[in-house]
C-alpha atoms as a PDB file:
ATOM      1  CA  UNK A   1      57.658 118.384 153.830  1.00  0.00           C
ATOM      2  CA  UNK A   2      57.111 120.005 151.046  1.00  0.00           C
ATOM      3  CA  UNK A   3      55.045 123.347 152.029  1.00  0.00           C
ATOM      4  CA  UNK A   4      52.097 125.100 150.307  1.00  0.00           C
ATOM      5  CA  UNK A   5      51.076 129.193 150.495  1.00  0.00           C
ATOM      6  CA  UNK A   6      48.216 129.052 153.113  1.00  0.00           C
ATOM      7  CA  UNK A   7      49.053 126.321 154.092  1.00  0.00           C
ATOM      8  CA  UNK A   8      48.686 126.274 158.109  1.00  0.00           C
ATOM      9  CA  UNK A   9      50.327 124.005 160.501  1.00  0.00           C
ATOM     10  CA  UNK A  10      50.058 122.954 163.732  1.00  0.00           C
ATOM     11  CA  UNK A  11      53.204 123.130 166.542  1.00  0.00           C
ATOM     12  CA  UNK A  12      51.841 122.302 169.432  1.00  0.00           C
ATOM     13  CA  UNK A  13      48.248 124.378 169.937  1.00  0.00           C
ATOM     14  CA  UNK A  14      49.419 126.804 168.114  1.00  0.00           C
ATOM     15  CA  UNK A  15      48.474 127.414 164.184  1.00  0.00           C
ATOM     16  CA  UNK A  16      51.231 128.636 162.009  1.00  0.00           C
ATOM     17  CA  UNK A  17      49.940 129.398 158.171  1.00  0.00           C
ATOM     18  CA  UNK A  18      52.811 129.229 155.275  1.00  0.00           C
ATOM     19  CA  UNK A  19      53.572 132.353 153.549  1.00  0.00           C
ATOM     20  CA  UNK A  20      55.398 131.637 150.386  1.00  0.00           C
ATOM     21  CA  UNK A  21      57.763 135.207 149.808  1.00  0.00           C
ATOM     22  CA  UNK A  22      60.379 133.487 147.293  1.00  0.00           C
ATOM     23  CA  UNK A  23      63.181 136.374 146.320  1.00  0.00           C
ATOM     24  CA  UNK A  24      66.294 136.071 148.608  1.00  0.00           C
ATOM     25  CA  UNK A  25      65.809 131.960 147.783  1.00  0.00           C
ATOM     26  CA  UNK A  26      63.096 130.522 144.941  1.00  0.00           C
ATOM     27  CA  UNK A  27      62.125 128.689 148.068  1.00  0.00           C
ATOM     28  CA  UNK A  28      61.609 130.981 150.847  1.00  0.00           C
ATOM     29  CA  UNK A  29      58.426 131.584 153.283  1.00  0.00           C
ATOM     30  CA  UNK A  30      57.276 133.044 156.783  1.00  0.00           C
ATOM     31  CA  UNK A  31      55.219 132.047 158.841  1.00  0.00           C
ATOM     32  CA  UNK A  32      52.985 134.381 160.893  1.00  0.00           C
ATOM     33  CA  UNK A  33      50.787 132.819 163.788  1.00  0.00           C
ATOM     34  CA  UNK A  34      48.014 135.905 165.646  1.00  0.00           C
ATOM     35  CA  UNK A  35      50.262 139.134 165.434  1.00  0.00           C
ATOM     36  CA  UNK A  36      53.568 137.590 165.334  1.00  0.00           C
ATOM     37  CA  UNK A  37      55.451 136.923 161.945  1.00  0.00           C
ATOM     38  CA  UNK A  38      58.075 134.475 161.432  1.00  0.00           C
ATOM     39  CA  UNK A  39      60.496 136.224 158.589  1.00  0.00           C
ATOM     40  CA  UNK A  40      62.943 134.124 158.180  1.00  0.00           C
ATOM     41  CA  UNK A  41      65.229 135.994 155.932  1.00  0.00           C
ATOM     42  CA  UNK A  42      63.307 137.930 153.865  1.00  0.00           C
ATOM     43  CA  UNK A  43      62.446 140.904 155.974  1.00  0.00           C
ATOM     44  CA  UNK A  44      64.777 142.425 158.904  1.00  0.00           C
ATOM     45  CA  UNK A  45      64.973 145.202 160.858  1.00  0.00           C
ATOM     46  CA  UNK A  46      65.523 147.908 158.058  1.00  0.00           C
ATOM     47  CA  UNK A  47      66.519 145.722 155.377  1.00  0.00           C
ATOM     48  CA  UNK A  48      65.954 142.864 153.720  1.00  0.00           C
ATOM     49  CA  UNK A  49      67.389 139.487 152.433  1.00  0.00           C
ATOM     50  CA  UNK A  50      70.270 139.204 150.528  1.00  0.00           C
ATOM     51  CA  UNK A  51      69.726 138.359 146.492  1.00  0.00           C
ATOM     52  CA  UNK A  52      72.463 137.451 145.392  1.00  0.00           C
ATOM     53  CA  UNK A  53      72.718 133.912 146.660  1.00  0.00           C
ATOM     54  CA  UNK A  54      72.282 131.241 143.589  1.00  0.00           C
ATOM     55  CA  UNK A  55      67.963 131.884 142.700  1.00  0.00           C
ATOM     56  CA  UNK A  56      67.638 135.140 144.604  1.00  0.00           C
ATOM     57  CA  UNK A  57      65.579 137.724 142.523  1.00  0.00           C
ATOM     58  CA  UNK A  58      64.862 141.147 143.122  1.00  0.00           C
ATOM     59  CA  UNK A  59      61.688 141.364 141.233  1.00  0.00           C
ATOM     60  CA  UNK A  60      60.111 138.272 143.786  1.00  0.00           C
ATOM     61  CA  UNK A  61      61.559 139.896 146.975  1.00  0.00           C
ATOM     62  CA  UNK A  62      59.926 142.719 145.927  1.00  0.00           C
ATOM     63  CA  UNK A  63      56.530 141.224 145.284  1.00  0.00           C
ATOM     64  CA  UNK A  64      57.246 139.032 148.533  1.00  0.00           C
ATOM     65  CA  UNK A  65      57.111 142.748 150.422  1.00  0.00           C
ATOM     66  CA  UNK A  66      54.431 143.877 148.393  1.00  0.00           C
ATOM     67  CA  UNK A  67      52.587 140.892 150.135  1.00  0.00           C
ATOM     68  CA  UNK A  68      54.003 141.596 153.826  1.00  0.00           C
ATOM     69  CA  UNK A  69      53.345 145.673 153.443  1.00  0.00           C
ATOM     70  CA  UNK A  70      49.677 144.652 153.572  1.00  0.00           C
ATOM     71  CA  UNK A  71      49.523 142.745 156.648  1.00  0.00           C
ATOM     72  CA  UNK A  72      48.368 143.582 159.499  1.00  0.00           C
ATOM     73  CA  UNK A  73      50.776 146.684 160.536  1.00  0.00           C
ATOM     74  CA  UNK A  74      50.626 145.836 164.310  1.00  0.00           C
ATOM     75  CA  UNK A  75      52.081 142.539 163.601  1.00  0.00           C
ATOM     76  CA  UNK A  76      55.331 141.941 165.794  1.00  0.00           C
ATOM     77  CA  UNK A  77      58.347 140.317 163.201  1.00  0.00           C
ATOM     78  CA  UNK A  78      60.914 138.095 164.288  1.00  0.00           C
ATOM     79  CA  UNK A  79      63.704 138.499 161.401  1.00  0.00           C
ATOM     80  CA  UNK A  80      65.832 135.491 160.696  1.00  0.00           C
ATOM     81  CA  UNK A  81      69.203 137.216 162.131  1.00  0.00           C
ATOM     82  CA  UNK A  82      68.423 140.648 164.515  1.00  0.00           C
ATOM     83  CA  UNK A  83      66.158 142.746 166.365  1.00  0.00           C
ATOM     84  CA  UNK A  84      62.739 142.562 166.136  1.00  0.00           C
ATOM     85  CA  UNK A  85      60.559 144.675 164.552  1.00  0.00           C
ATOM     86  CA  UNK A  86      57.178 145.480 163.273  1.00  0.00           C
ATOM     87  CA  UNK A  87      55.480 146.236 159.845  1.00  0.00           C
ATOM     88  CA  UNK A  88      54.397 149.448 160.814  1.00  0.00           C
ATOM     89  CA  UNK A  89      58.380 150.649 161.678  1.00  0.00           C
ATOM     90  CA  UNK A  90      59.271 148.698 158.868  1.00  0.00           C
ATOM     91  CA  UNK A  91      57.239 150.626 156.533  1.00  0.00           C
ATOM     92  CA  UNK A  92      58.241 153.854 157.675  1.00  0.00           C
ATOM     93  CA  UNK A  93      61.607 153.342 158.053  1.00  0.00           C
ATOM     94  CA  UNK A  94      63.334 149.688 155.948  1.00  0.00           C
ATOM     95  CA  UNK A  95      63.625 151.270 152.516  1.00  0.00           C
ATOM     96  CA  UNK A  96      63.029 148.888 150.547  1.00  0.00           C
ATOM     97  CA  UNK A  97      59.304 148.732 151.398  1.00  0.00           C
ATOM     98  CA  UNK A  98      59.219 152.284 151.394  1.00  0.00           C
ATOM     99  CA  UNK A  99      60.283 152.469 147.817  1.00  0.00           C
ATOM    100  CA  UNK A 100      57.957 150.290 146.679  1.00  0.00           C
ATOM    101  CA  UNK A 101      55.399 152.051 148.000  1.00  0.00           C
END
């Protein structure tokens, strides 16, 4: 299934909005529902996804990170790897986000 930015998926009773977040890979997406962001390999606690893989792009990743930085700061982030974090915590301590703002 091809997904579009802004598309809403219904999984059981949960509604997930698709956020296109290229950078790690061209088709990277995050899913957001209520106060939860499933970030895949776009954003990690204190870091971000690799960009040295085929199709990776620092410019696109930075645009995606700027987009995520504008979300509600109380959103809990569930990365594809590692510990859970929040937008607030990443704005304060993630060097990749701090350098953009």
